[in-house]
Protein backbone atom coordinates (compact mmCIF):
# COMPACT_ATOMS: atom_id res chain seq x y z
CA MET A 1 57.80 24.93 127.16
CA SER A 2 56.48 22.87 130.07
CA HIS A 3 54.04 19.99 129.56
CA THR A 4 51.26 22.03 131.18
CA ASP A 5 51.88 25.06 129.00
CA ALA A 6 52.03 22.93 125.82
CA VAL A 7 48.78 21.13 126.66
CA ARG A 8 46.93 24.32 127.52
CA GLU A 9 48.17 26.04 124.36
CA ARG A 10 46.68 23.22 122.27
CA LEU A 11 43.42 23.38 124.22
CA ASP A 12 43.22 27.16 123.82
CA ALA A 13 43.43 26.68 120.05
CA TYR A 14 40.84 23.88 120.19
CA LEU A 15 38.36 26.03 122.13
CA ALA A 16 38.84 28.96 119.77
CA ASP A 17 38.55 26.88 116.61
CA ASN A 18 35.35 25.21 117.79
CA ASP A 19 33.69 28.20 119.54
CA LEU A 20 33.59 26.37 122.86
CA GLU A 21 33.85 27.58 126.44
CA ALA A 22 35.22 24.35 127.94
CA VAL A 23 36.43 20.86 127.14
CA TRP A 24 36.30 17.87 129.49
CA PHE A 25 38.17 14.57 129.75
CA ALA A 26 37.10 11.59 131.88
CA ARG A 27 38.68 8.72 129.95
CA PRO A 28 41.87 7.75 131.82
CA PRO A 29 44.47 8.37 129.07
CA SER A 30 43.35 11.95 128.44
CA PHE A 31 42.77 12.67 132.13
CA ALA A 32 46.41 11.71 132.69
CA TRP A 33 47.54 13.81 129.70
CA LEU A 34 45.79 16.92 131.05
CA THR A 35 46.38 16.56 134.80
CA GLY A 36 49.36 14.22 135.18
CA GLY A 37 47.18 12.17 137.54
CA ASN A 38 45.22 8.94 137.54
CA ASN A 39 41.41 8.79 137.75
CA VAL A 40 41.15 4.98 137.66
CA VAL A 41 39.65 2.86 140.42
CA ASP A 42 37.93 0.16 138.36
CA ARG A 43 40.28 -0.92 135.56
CA ALA A 44 37.39 -2.47 133.65
CA ALA A 45 35.61 0.88 133.30
CA ASP A 46 36.06 3.12 130.26
CA ILE A 47 35.37 6.24 132.31
CA GLY A 48 37.31 7.21 135.42
CA VAL A 49 36.01 8.49 138.74
CA ALA A 50 36.74 12.14 137.91
CA ALA A 51 36.60 14.46 134.90
CA ALA A 52 39.11 17.22 134.20
CA GLY A 53 37.97 20.33 132.37
CA TYR A 54 39.77 23.31 130.84
CA ASP A 55 38.00 26.61 130.14
CA GLY A 56 40.85 28.77 128.86
CA ASP A 57 41.65 30.09 132.34
CA GLY A 58 42.39 27.05 134.45
CA LEU A 59 41.80 23.42 135.31
CA THR A 60 38.67 22.16 137.06
CA VAL A 61 38.20 18.60 138.25
CA VAL A 62 34.74 17.24 139.06
CA THR A 63 34.37 14.11 141.18
CA ASP A 64 32.36 12.75 144.10
CA ASN A 65 32.95 12.97 147.83
CA ILE A 66 34.48 9.48 147.93
CA GLU A 67 37.40 10.46 145.70
CA ALA A 68 37.93 14.20 146.14
CA GLU A 69 40.35 14.26 149.09
CA ARG A 70 42.52 11.47 147.70
CA LEU A 71 42.74 13.07 144.28
CA VAL A 72 43.75 16.42 145.77
CA ASP A 73 46.39 14.80 147.98
CA GLU A 74 47.85 12.33 145.49
CA GLU A 75 46.89 12.94 141.86
CA LEU A 76 46.18 16.56 140.95
CA PRO A 77 48.32 19.66 140.35
CA ASP A 78 48.16 22.38 142.98
CA ASP A 79 46.36 24.83 140.70
CA ALA A 80 43.39 22.53 140.01
CA THR A 81 39.99 23.59 141.31
CA VAL A 82 38.02 20.60 142.60
CA GLU A 83 34.22 20.53 142.55
CA THR A 84 32.54 17.77 144.53
CA VAL A 85 29.13 16.15 144.45
CA GLN A 86 27.74 13.56 146.83
CA TRP A 87 28.14 10.11 145.37
CA TYR A 88 24.40 9.38 145.69
CA GLU A 89 23.17 12.65 144.18
CA ALA A 90 24.57 12.72 140.62
CA ASP A 91 26.63 10.67 138.21
CA LEU A 92 29.78 12.10 136.67
CA ALA A 93 28.12 13.33 133.47
CA GLU A 94 25.41 15.16 135.42
CA ALA A 95 28.04 16.71 137.70
CA VAL A 96 30.12 17.97 134.77
CA ALA A 97 27.03 19.46 133.13
CA ALA A 98 26.20 21.26 136.37
CA PHE A 99 29.63 22.87 136.80
CA SER A 100 30.74 23.54 133.21
CA PRO A 101 30.27 26.71 131.20
CA THR A 102 28.65 26.08 127.83
CA PRO A 103 28.92 25.38 124.98
CA ALA A 104 31.34 22.59 125.84
CA ALA A 105 32.71 19.28 124.59
CA ALA A 106 33.65 16.06 126.39
CA ASP A 107 35.35 12.76 125.62
CA PHE A 108 32.43 10.88 127.19
CA ASP A 109 28.67 11.20 126.92
CA VAL A 110 27.46 14.39 128.62
CA PRO A 111 23.96 15.47 127.56
CA GLY A 112 24.07 18.63 125.47
CA PHE A 113 27.85 18.55 125.03
CA GLU A 114 29.74 18.04 121.78
CA SER A 115 32.13 15.11 121.43
CA VAL A 116 35.91 15.61 121.37
CA ASP A 117 38.42 13.14 119.91
CA PRO A 118 41.62 13.75 121.89
CA THR A 119 43.94 11.83 119.54
CA ASP A 120 45.27 14.83 117.64
CA LEU A 121 45.42 16.98 120.78
CA ARG A 122 47.80 14.48 122.43
CA GLN A 123 50.30 14.63 119.55
CA PRO A 124 53.18 15.39 119.25
CA LEU A 125 54.82 14.53 122.56
CA THR A 126 56.00 17.14 125.02
CA ASP A 127 59.48 17.04 126.57
CA ALA A 128 57.99 15.75 129.82
CA ASP A 129 56.21 12.97 127.93
CA VAL A 130 59.52 11.90 126.41
CA GLU A 131 61.29 11.68 129.77
CA ARG A 132 58.45 9.66 131.31
CA PHE A 133 58.47 7.39 128.28
CA ARG A 134 62.19 6.71 128.61
CA SER A 135 61.67 5.66 132.24
CA LEU A 136 58.66 3.49 131.41
CA GLY A 137 60.37 1.84 128.46
CA ALA A 138 63.50 0.98 130.42
CA ASP A 139 61.54 -0.50 133.34
CA ALA A 140 59.17 -2.47 131.11
CA ALA A 141 62.00 -3.93 129.06
CA GLU A 142 63.93 -4.94 132.16
CA VAL A 143 60.94 -6.81 133.56
CA VAL A 144 59.94 -8.49 130.30
CA GLU A 145 63.46 -9.58 129.41
CA SER A 146 64.18 -10.94 132.89
CA VAL A 147 60.97 -12.96 133.00
CA VAL A 148 61.42 -14.34 129.47
CA ARG A 149 65.06 -15.19 130.17
CA GLU A 150 63.99 -17.26 133.20
CA ALA A 151 61.28 -19.17 131.33
CA SER A 152 61.63 -22.84 130.43
CA ALA A 153 60.03 -25.07 127.82
CA ASP A 154 57.76 -26.76 130.36
CA ASP A 155 56.46 -23.51 131.86
CA GLU A 156 52.80 -22.85 131.15
CA GLU A 157 51.84 -19.63 129.39
CA ARG A 158 49.80 -18.48 132.41
CA GLU A 159 52.74 -18.97 134.76
CA VAL A 160 54.89 -16.66 132.68
CA GLY A 161 52.05 -14.17 132.26
CA GLY A 162 51.49 -14.05 136.01
CA ARG A 163 55.16 -13.32 136.67
CA LEU A 164 55.08 -10.50 134.15
CA ARG A 165 52.00 -8.85 135.65
CA ASP A 166 53.32 -9.14 139.22
CA ARG A 167 56.75 -7.67 138.48
CA LEU A 168 55.35 -4.87 136.34
CA PHE A 169 52.80 -3.96 139.00
CA ALA A 170 55.55 -3.80 141.60
CA ARG A 171 57.07 -0.97 139.52
CA GLY A 172 53.82 0.93 139.26
CA ILE A 173 53.14 -0.37 135.75
CA ASP A 174 49.77 -1.68 134.58
CA SER A 175 49.68 -4.31 131.85
CA PRO A 176 46.42 -4.29 129.87
CA VAL A 177 48.02 -6.59 127.28
CA VAL A 178 50.06 -9.64 128.30
CA LEU A 179 50.28 -12.24 125.54
CA VAL A 180 52.39 -15.33 126.17
CA GLY A 181 52.21 -17.75 123.27
CA SER A 182 53.71 -21.20 122.98
CA GLY A 183 55.40 -22.03 119.72
CA GLU A 184 52.45 -24.19 118.69
CA ARG A 185 49.87 -21.46 119.31
CA THR A 186 51.92 -18.61 117.79
CA ARG A 187 52.00 -20.58 114.54
CA GLU A 188 48.20 -20.58 114.54
CA TYR A 189 47.23 -17.19 115.98
CA ARG A 190 48.57 -13.64 115.67
CA HIS A 191 47.04 -12.74 119.04
CA TYR A 192 48.21 -15.61 121.22
CA THR A 193 46.07 -14.83 124.27
CA THR A 194 47.63 -16.46 127.31
CA ARG A 195 46.31 -19.92 128.20
CA ASP A 196 47.57 -23.08 129.92
CA SER A 197 49.71 -24.53 127.12
CA GLU A 198 53.33 -25.35 127.85
CA LEU A 199 55.78 -23.11 125.97
CA GLY A 200 57.28 -26.04 124.12
CA ASP A 201 59.85 -25.42 121.38
CA TYR A 202 59.73 -21.62 121.57
CA ALA A 203 57.57 -18.74 122.76
CA LEU A 204 56.62 -15.18 121.93
CA VAL A 205 55.85 -12.73 124.72
CA SER A 206 54.13 -9.43 123.97
CA VAL A 207 53.29 -6.79 126.58
CA THR A 208 51.76 -3.33 126.63
CA ALA A 209 52.92 -1.51 129.75
CA VAL A 210 51.16 1.61 131.08
CA ARG A 211 52.38 4.20 133.57
CA ASP A 212 51.54 7.90 133.89
CA GLY A 213 49.01 7.35 131.12
CA LEU A 214 51.70 6.37 128.59
CA HIS A 215 51.69 3.02 126.73
CA ALA A 216 54.83 1.13 125.71
CA SER A 217 54.66 -2.12 123.73
CA ILE A 218 57.38 -4.77 123.56
CA THR A 219 57.78 -8.32 122.21
CA ARG A 220 60.54 -10.83 122.93
CA SER A 221 61.12 -14.29 121.45
CA VAL A 222 62.80 -17.18 123.26
CA ALA A 223 63.73 -20.52 121.69
CA PHE A 224 64.32 -23.85 123.42
CA ASP A 225 64.29 -26.22 120.43
CA ALA A 226 62.90 -23.96 117.75
CA PRO A 227 62.07 -24.78 114.14
CA GLU A 228 64.74 -23.79 111.63
CA TRP A 229 62.58 -21.08 110.08
CA LEU A 230 62.14 -19.03 113.27
CA ASP A 231 65.27 -16.90 112.92
CA GLU A 232 64.61 -16.24 109.22
CA ARG A 233 61.00 -15.18 109.78
CA THR A 234 61.99 -13.05 112.76
CA GLU A 235 64.62 -11.28 110.65
CA ALA A 236 62.00 -10.62 107.99
CA ALA A 237 59.71 -9.06 110.61
CA MET A 238 62.65 -6.99 111.91
CA ARG A 239 63.29 -5.55 108.45
CA VAL A 240 59.62 -4.63 108.05
CA GLU A 241 59.69 -2.92 111.45
CA ALA A 242 62.87 -1.02 110.53
CA SER A 243 61.26 0.00 107.25
CA ALA A 244 58.17 1.30 109.07
CA LEU A 245 60.31 3.38 111.42
CA ALA A 246 62.45 4.83 108.62
CA ALA A 247 59.31 5.69 106.65
CA THR A 248 57.74 7.28 109.73
CA GLN A 249 60.68 9.63 110.12
CA ARG A 250 60.61 10.54 106.44
CA VAL A 251 56.83 11.02 106.31
CA GLY A 252 56.84 12.97 109.58
CA ARG A 253 59.43 15.38 108.23
CA GLU A 254 57.35 15.87 105.09
CA GLY A 255 54.04 16.34 106.92
CA GLY A 256 52.50 13.18 105.47
CA VAL A 257 49.92 10.71 106.77
CA ALA A 258 49.81 7.17 108.13
CA GLY A 259 48.76 5.75 104.76
CA ASP A 260 52.13 6.87 103.37
CA VAL A 261 53.90 4.83 106.05
CA PHE A 262 51.69 1.87 105.29
CA ASP A 263 52.79 1.96 101.66
CA ALA A 264 56.37 1.42 102.87
CA ILE A 265 55.26 -1.44 105.13
CA GLU A 266 53.48 -3.18 102.27
CA GLU A 267 56.53 -2.78 100.02
CA ALA A 268 58.82 -4.11 102.76
CA TYR A 269 56.79 -7.32 103.19
CA ALA A 270 57.07 -7.97 99.47
CA GLU A 271 60.80 -7.25 99.41
CA VAL A 272 61.58 -9.67 102.29
CA GLY A 273 59.65 -12.45 100.58
CA TYR A 274 56.26 -12.29 102.32
CA GLU A 275 54.07 -10.25 99.99
CA GLY A 276 50.59 -9.73 101.41
CA GLU A 277 51.51 -11.05 104.87
CA TRP A 278 50.36 -7.72 106.36
CA ARG A 279 46.76 -8.78 105.78
CA ASN A 280 46.99 -11.29 108.64
CA HIS A 281 47.62 -8.79 111.46
CA HIS A 282 47.56 -5.05 112.14
CA GLN A 283 50.93 -3.36 111.87
CA GLY A 284 50.79 -0.96 114.83
CA GLY A 285 51.31 2.78 114.62
CA ALA A 286 51.60 5.82 116.87
CA ALA A 287 51.59 4.98 120.59
CA ALA A 288 51.41 7.32 123.58
CA TYR A 289 48.33 7.95 125.73
CA ALA A 290 46.65 5.03 123.97
CA GLY A 291 48.13 1.66 123.08
CA ARG A 292 47.86 2.96 119.52
CA GLU A 293 46.82 6.55 118.85
CA TRP A 294 46.28 5.33 115.29
CA PHE A 295 46.87 2.11 113.39
CA GLY A 296 48.60 2.14 110.03
CA THR A 297 46.14 1.18 107.30
CA PRO A 298 46.27 1.59 103.52
CA ASP A 299 43.95 4.61 103.46
CA SER A 300 44.64 6.23 106.83
CA GLU A 301 44.75 10.03 106.81
CA ALA A 302 46.06 10.30 110.39
CA PRO A 303 48.87 12.89 110.54
CA VAL A 304 52.35 11.55 111.25
CA HIS A 305 53.96 13.71 113.92
CA VAL A 306 57.54 14.05 115.13
CA PRO A 307 58.63 13.96 117.89
CA MET A 308 56.32 11.07 118.62
CA THR A 309 56.48 7.50 119.84
CA TYR A 310 55.66 4.61 117.54
CA ALA A 311 55.14 0.90 118.16
CA TYR A 312 55.07 -1.20 115.01
CA ASN A 313 54.50 -4.95 115.32
CA PRO A 314 54.94 -6.77 112.01
CA THR A 315 54.37 -10.52 112.08
CA VAL A 316 55.42 -13.36 109.81
CA GLN A 317 53.59 -16.55 110.72
CA GLY A 318 55.00 -17.67 114.05
CA ALA A 319 57.41 -14.70 114.38
CA LYS A 320 57.12 -11.06 115.40
CA SER A 321 59.22 -7.94 115.96
CA GLU A 322 57.96 -5.13 118.22
CA ASP A 323 59.36 -2.31 120.32
CA THR A 324 58.46 1.26 121.12
CA HIS A 325 60.63 3.96 119.54
CA LEU A 326 60.85 7.73 119.76
CA VAL A 327 61.01 9.19 116.26
CA THR A 328 62.33 12.73 115.85
CA ASP A 329 63.72 14.80 113.00
CA GLU A 330 67.21 13.87 114.18
CA GLY A 331 66.93 10.17 114.95
CA ILE A 332 65.11 7.01 115.97
CA GLU A 333 65.56 6.09 119.64
CA LEU A 334 64.72 2.68 121.10
CA LEU A 335 62.77 3.15 124.33
CA THR A 336 62.03 -0.47 125.30
CA GLY A 337 65.52 -1.91 125.59
CA THR A 338 68.11 -2.89 128.18
CA GLY A 339 71.17 -3.55 126.04
CA ASP A 340 71.22 -7.09 127.45
CA TRP A 341 69.39 -9.08 124.77
CA PRO A 342 70.59 -10.59 121.49
CA THR A 343 70.28 -8.14 118.61
CA GLU A 344 70.79 -8.18 114.88
CA THR A 345 71.57 -5.28 112.58
CA VAL A 346 69.05 -5.06 109.76
CA GLU A 347 68.57 -2.76 106.81
CA PRO A 348 65.20 -1.20 106.07
CA VAL A 349 63.73 -1.62 102.63
CA GLY A 350 64.32 1.66 100.79
CA ASP A 351 66.02 4.65 102.36
CA GLY A 352 66.93 4.73 106.03
CA PRO A 353 69.61 3.83 108.54
CA GLU A 354 70.57 0.34 109.66
CA MET A 355 68.96 -0.55 112.97
CA GLU A 356 69.68 -2.92 115.82
CA ARG A 357 66.61 -5.06 116.41
CA HIS A 358 65.91 -7.66 119.06
CA ALA A 359 66.53 -11.19 117.83
CA VAL A 360 65.50 -14.59 119.17
CA LEU A 361 67.13 -15.60 122.46
CA HIS A 362 68.28 -19.22 122.06
CA ARG A 363 68.41 -21.12 125.32
């Protein structure tokens, strides 16, 4: 089944189950999921410059006269109907209300419309999603690993962050998250937002890369004169990550929920000698048309789908392990890798296969 057919089949069921005539998406991740196109001009805005609606028969896109021609030429499928308002006559919500059949729902505030949470609609992945993810993951990993490999102890965090953003952008990849943390700052903070510190004895680099609406997350560690504990703590984080992935496959097969995966994460931290360490940082979760479609928490009831992409990011003070993987019934596939970085084979806690995880690069 094509991506379009799969998406519209899910939306048909959503409309029927909720007695609605139409559903609309203006937030960029779901606009991309429905149309394959990009409605972003201002990256700081939560809502794009166009809304895409589905009424059971076809796709309608509402926008203003500034954007309409460009969207038709460059962003939208041929079968989309485009309705245009003058930019000075109505805002996007008013325009959607004027053109939509009712009752309807939207993922942004439209007066009189119900609210739709698109998270479950976007899962599991379609075959087209998977192929785009493989391309994104390979490109993001190549950029991140090349930039980190070139870094030196006296580089400032912002220098490295700037190189990452520039090289990713050159490949059509946005980077809403670029964290470059010196060894000193990664000891203190789990989110080492990029500043002007020199990298020093070692560094962690974490990136979320976005293209075609899909989000891939990746972390790499580089050591120049690292403390003795760095490799040990990194290995502990690797084993927790491997445990999360193995549990995700098992829980997905059984039709379980994210809280079940979290139980395995909590157990893994204890087994590797860092009981309770999970309390200091979120552990990641499902990742696709959002950086995280859900985060693993002790009581989460979010369904665990396969095939689906997951980005877990366990931390042990000053160390981290993170990549984006495709989890299916048949296997666990690394998406953010190049094959040209030091790895270590680790065993998950409990049942599951051994996995190759990215280790510290010692320079």
